[in-house]
Amino acid sequence: MTTIPNQTLVAPRRSGRVSKLPDRYTEESQIITANDGEEDPLTFKAMMDDFEKKKWQATMKLEIESMYSNLVWQLVDLPEKVKPIGCKWIFKRKR
């Protein structure tokens, strides 16, 4: 019969290195955004004053027609003392 010598279990060595993000992730001066100088309208009134008013209106019409054709909602009578939920258009130019 052979005997196995006593083995001592040693915990694995851990690195003492401190990790940090590269500078390219921390400098705000390197952030690049697409800005063509045109602000997106934030309200319906602002959209109506926008130089692309006709495009916005055509897009809104297409969106409403799409919701009707896809049966997104159905009209029902509003119960008494119930306030209907509102909605808001979000206008965003594709860049």
C-alpha atoms as a PDB file:
ATOM      1  CA  MET A   1       0.000   0.000   0.000  1.00  0.00           C
ATOM      2  CA  THR A   2       1.363   3.390  -0.979  1.00  0.00           C
ATOM      3  CA  THR A   3       0.872   6.474   1.060  1.00  0.00           C
ATOM      4  CA  ILE A   4       0.109   9.888  -0.352  1.00  0.00           C
ATOM      5  CA  PRO A   5       2.159  12.686   1.166  1.00  0.00           C
ATOM      6  CA  ASN A   6       0.238  15.457   2.891  1.00  0.00           C
ATOM      7  CA  GLN A   7      -0.584  18.243   0.457  1.00  0.00           C
ATOM      8  CA  THR A   8      -1.142  21.788   1.583  1.00  0.00           C
ATOM      9  CA  LEU A   9      -3.886  23.751  -0.190  1.00  0.00           C
ATOM     10  CA  VAL A  10      -2.752  27.232  -1.141  1.00  0.00           C
ATOM     11  CA  ALA A  11      -5.195  29.968  -2.178  1.00  0.00           C
ATOM     12  CA  PRO A  12      -4.649  31.290  -5.718  1.00  0.00           C
ATOM     13  CA  ARG A  13      -2.569  34.436  -6.007  1.00  0.00           C
ATOM     14  CA  ARG A  14      -4.628  37.562  -6.706  1.00  0.00           C
ATOM     15  CA  SER A  15      -3.315  40.415  -8.786  1.00  0.00           C
ATOM     16  CA  GLY A  16      -2.729  43.713  -7.025  1.00  0.00           C
ATOM     17  CA  ARG A  17      -3.272  45.644 -10.262  1.00  0.00           C
ATOM     18  CA  VAL A  18      -5.730  48.520 -10.086  1.00  0.00           C
ATOM     19  CA  SER A  19      -7.872  48.690 -13.216  1.00  0.00           C
ATOM     20  CA  LYS A  20      -9.158  51.963 -14.614  1.00  0.00           C
ATOM     21  CA  LEU A  21     -11.017  53.044 -17.724  1.00  0.00           C
ATOM     22  CA  PRO A  22      -8.935  54.240 -20.652  1.00  0.00           C
ATOM     23  CA  ASP A  23      -8.776  58.014 -21.077  1.00  0.00           C
ATOM     24  CA  ARG A  24     -10.862  57.850 -24.241  1.00  0.00           C
ATOM     25  CA  TYR A  25     -13.881  56.952 -22.098  1.00  0.00           C
ATOM     26  CA  THR A  26     -13.473  59.750 -19.593  1.00  0.00           C
ATOM     27  CA  GLU A  27     -12.689  62.882 -21.591  1.00  0.00           C
ATOM     28  CA  GLU A  28     -15.785  64.897 -22.406  1.00  0.00           C
ATOM     29  CA  SER A  29     -13.939  66.879 -25.053  1.00  0.00           C
ATOM     30  CA  GLN A  30     -13.969  63.854 -27.339  1.00  0.00           C
ATOM     31  CA  ILE A  31     -17.736  63.429 -27.391  1.00  0.00           C
ATOM     32  CA  ILE A  32     -19.024  64.022 -30.895  1.00  0.00           C
ATOM     33  CA  THR A  33     -22.689  64.585 -31.657  1.00  0.00           C
ATOM     34  CA  ALA A  34     -24.465  65.131 -34.925  1.00  0.00           C
ATOM     35  CA  ASN A  35     -25.805  68.662 -34.910  1.00  0.00           C
ATOM     36  CA  ASP A  36     -26.826  70.277 -38.139  1.00  0.00           C
ATOM     37  CA  GLY A  37     -28.015  73.438 -36.412  1.00  0.00           C
ATOM     38  CA  GLU A  38     -31.700  72.522 -36.639  1.00  0.00           C
ATOM     39  CA  GLU A  39     -33.514  72.009 -33.376  1.00  0.00           C
ATOM     40  CA  ASP A  40     -36.350  69.502 -33.241  1.00  0.00           C
ATOM     41  CA  PRO A  41     -39.708  71.077 -32.350  1.00  0.00           C
ATOM     42  CA  LEU A  42     -40.724  70.271 -28.780  1.00  0.00           C
ATOM     43  CA  THR A  43     -44.407  71.208 -29.035  1.00  0.00           C
ATOM     44  CA  PHE A  44     -47.170  71.139 -31.617  1.00  0.00           C
ATOM     45  CA  LYS A  45     -47.063  74.935 -31.818  1.00  0.00           C
ATOM     46  CA  ALA A  46     -43.309  74.859 -32.467  1.00  0.00           C
ATOM     47  CA  MET A  47     -43.881  72.295 -35.211  1.00  0.00           C
ATOM     48  CA  MET A  48     -46.482  74.564 -36.834  1.00  0.00           C
ATOM     49  CA  ASP A  49     -43.905  77.388 -36.887  1.00  0.00           C
ATOM     50  CA  ASP A  50     -41.179  75.115 -38.313  1.00  0.00           C
ATOM     51  CA  PHE A  51     -39.976  75.584 -41.899  1.00  0.00           C
ATOM     52  CA  GLU A  52     -40.749  71.880 -42.573  1.00  0.00           C
ATOM     53  CA  LYS A  53     -44.336  72.193 -41.378  1.00  0.00           C
ATOM     54  CA  LYS A  54     -45.785  70.386 -44.433  1.00  0.00           C
ATOM     55  CA  LYS A  55     -43.480  67.378 -43.942  1.00  0.00           C
ATOM     56  CA  TRP A  56     -44.396  67.159 -40.240  1.00  0.00           C
ATOM     57  CA  GLN A  57     -48.123  67.277 -41.052  1.00  0.00           C
ATOM     58  CA  ALA A  58     -47.792  64.599 -43.747  1.00  0.00           C
ATOM     59  CA  THR A  59     -45.861  62.389 -41.329  1.00  0.00           C
ATOM     60  CA  MET A  60     -48.487  62.866 -38.616  1.00  0.00           C
ATOM     61  CA  LYS A  61     -51.234  61.932 -41.084  1.00  0.00           C
ATOM     62  CA  LEU A  62     -49.371  58.746 -42.084  1.00  0.00           C
ATOM     63  CA  GLU A  63     -48.888  57.826 -38.421  1.00  0.00           C
ATOM     64  CA  ILE A  64     -52.591  58.242 -37.616  1.00  0.00           C
ATOM     65  CA  GLU A  65     -53.600  56.243 -40.716  1.00  0.00           C
ATOM     66  CA  SER A  66     -51.202  53.495 -39.652  1.00  0.00           C
ATOM     67  CA  MET A  67     -52.749  53.360 -36.175  1.00  0.00           C
ATOM     68  CA  TYR A  68     -56.257  53.106 -37.674  1.00  0.00           C
ATOM     69  CA  SER A  69     -55.282  50.340 -40.101  1.00  0.00           C
ATOM     70  CA  ASN A  70     -53.481  48.361 -37.366  1.00  0.00           C
ATOM     71  CA  LEU A  71     -56.443  48.697 -34.959  1.00  0.00           C
ATOM     72  CA  VAL A  72     -54.284  50.245 -32.261  1.00  0.00           C
ATOM     73  CA  TRP A  73     -57.321  51.487 -30.342  1.00  0.00           C
ATOM     74  CA  GLN A  74     -61.094  51.351 -30.315  1.00  0.00           C
ATOM     75  CA  LEU A  75     -63.442  54.151 -29.385  1.00  0.00           C
ATOM     76  CA  VAL A  76     -65.622  53.573 -26.329  1.00  0.00           C
ATOM     77  CA  ASP A  77     -67.909  55.758 -24.254  1.00  0.00           C
ATOM     78  CA  LEU A  78     -66.122  57.431 -21.370  1.00  0.00           C
ATOM     79  CA  PRO A  79     -67.546  56.414 -17.958  1.00  0.00           C
ATOM     80  CA  GLU A  80     -68.735  59.161 -15.647  1.00  0.00           C
ATOM     81  CA  LYS A  81     -66.133  60.887 -13.465  1.00  0.00           C
ATOM     82  CA  VAL A  82     -63.276  59.377 -15.452  1.00  0.00           C
ATOM     83  CA  LYS A  83     -60.633  61.570 -16.997  1.00  0.00           C
ATOM     84  CA  PRO A  84     -59.247  60.328 -20.331  1.00  0.00           C
ATOM     85  CA  ILE A  85     -55.526  59.873 -20.708  1.00  0.00           C
ATOM     86  CA  GLY A  86     -53.691  62.362 -22.861  1.00  0.00           C
ATOM     87  CA  CYS A  87     -51.173  61.948 -25.601  1.00  0.00           C
ATOM     88  CA  LYS A  88     -48.235  63.916 -26.913  1.00  0.00           C
ATOM     89  CA  TRP A  89     -46.528  64.026 -30.276  1.00  0.00           C
ATOM     90  CA  ILE A  90     -42.751  63.652 -30.240  1.00  0.00           C
ATOM     91  CA  PHE A  91     -41.079  65.297 -33.218  1.00  0.00           C
ATOM     92  CA  LYS A  92     -37.610  64.029 -34.132  1.00  0.00           C
ATOM     93  CA  ARG A  93     -35.659  64.558 -37.330  1.00  0.00           C
ATOM     94  CA  LYS A  94     -33.779  61.565 -38.701  1.00  0.00           C
ATOM     95  CA  ARG A  95     -30.125  62.447 -39.020  1.00  0.00           C
END
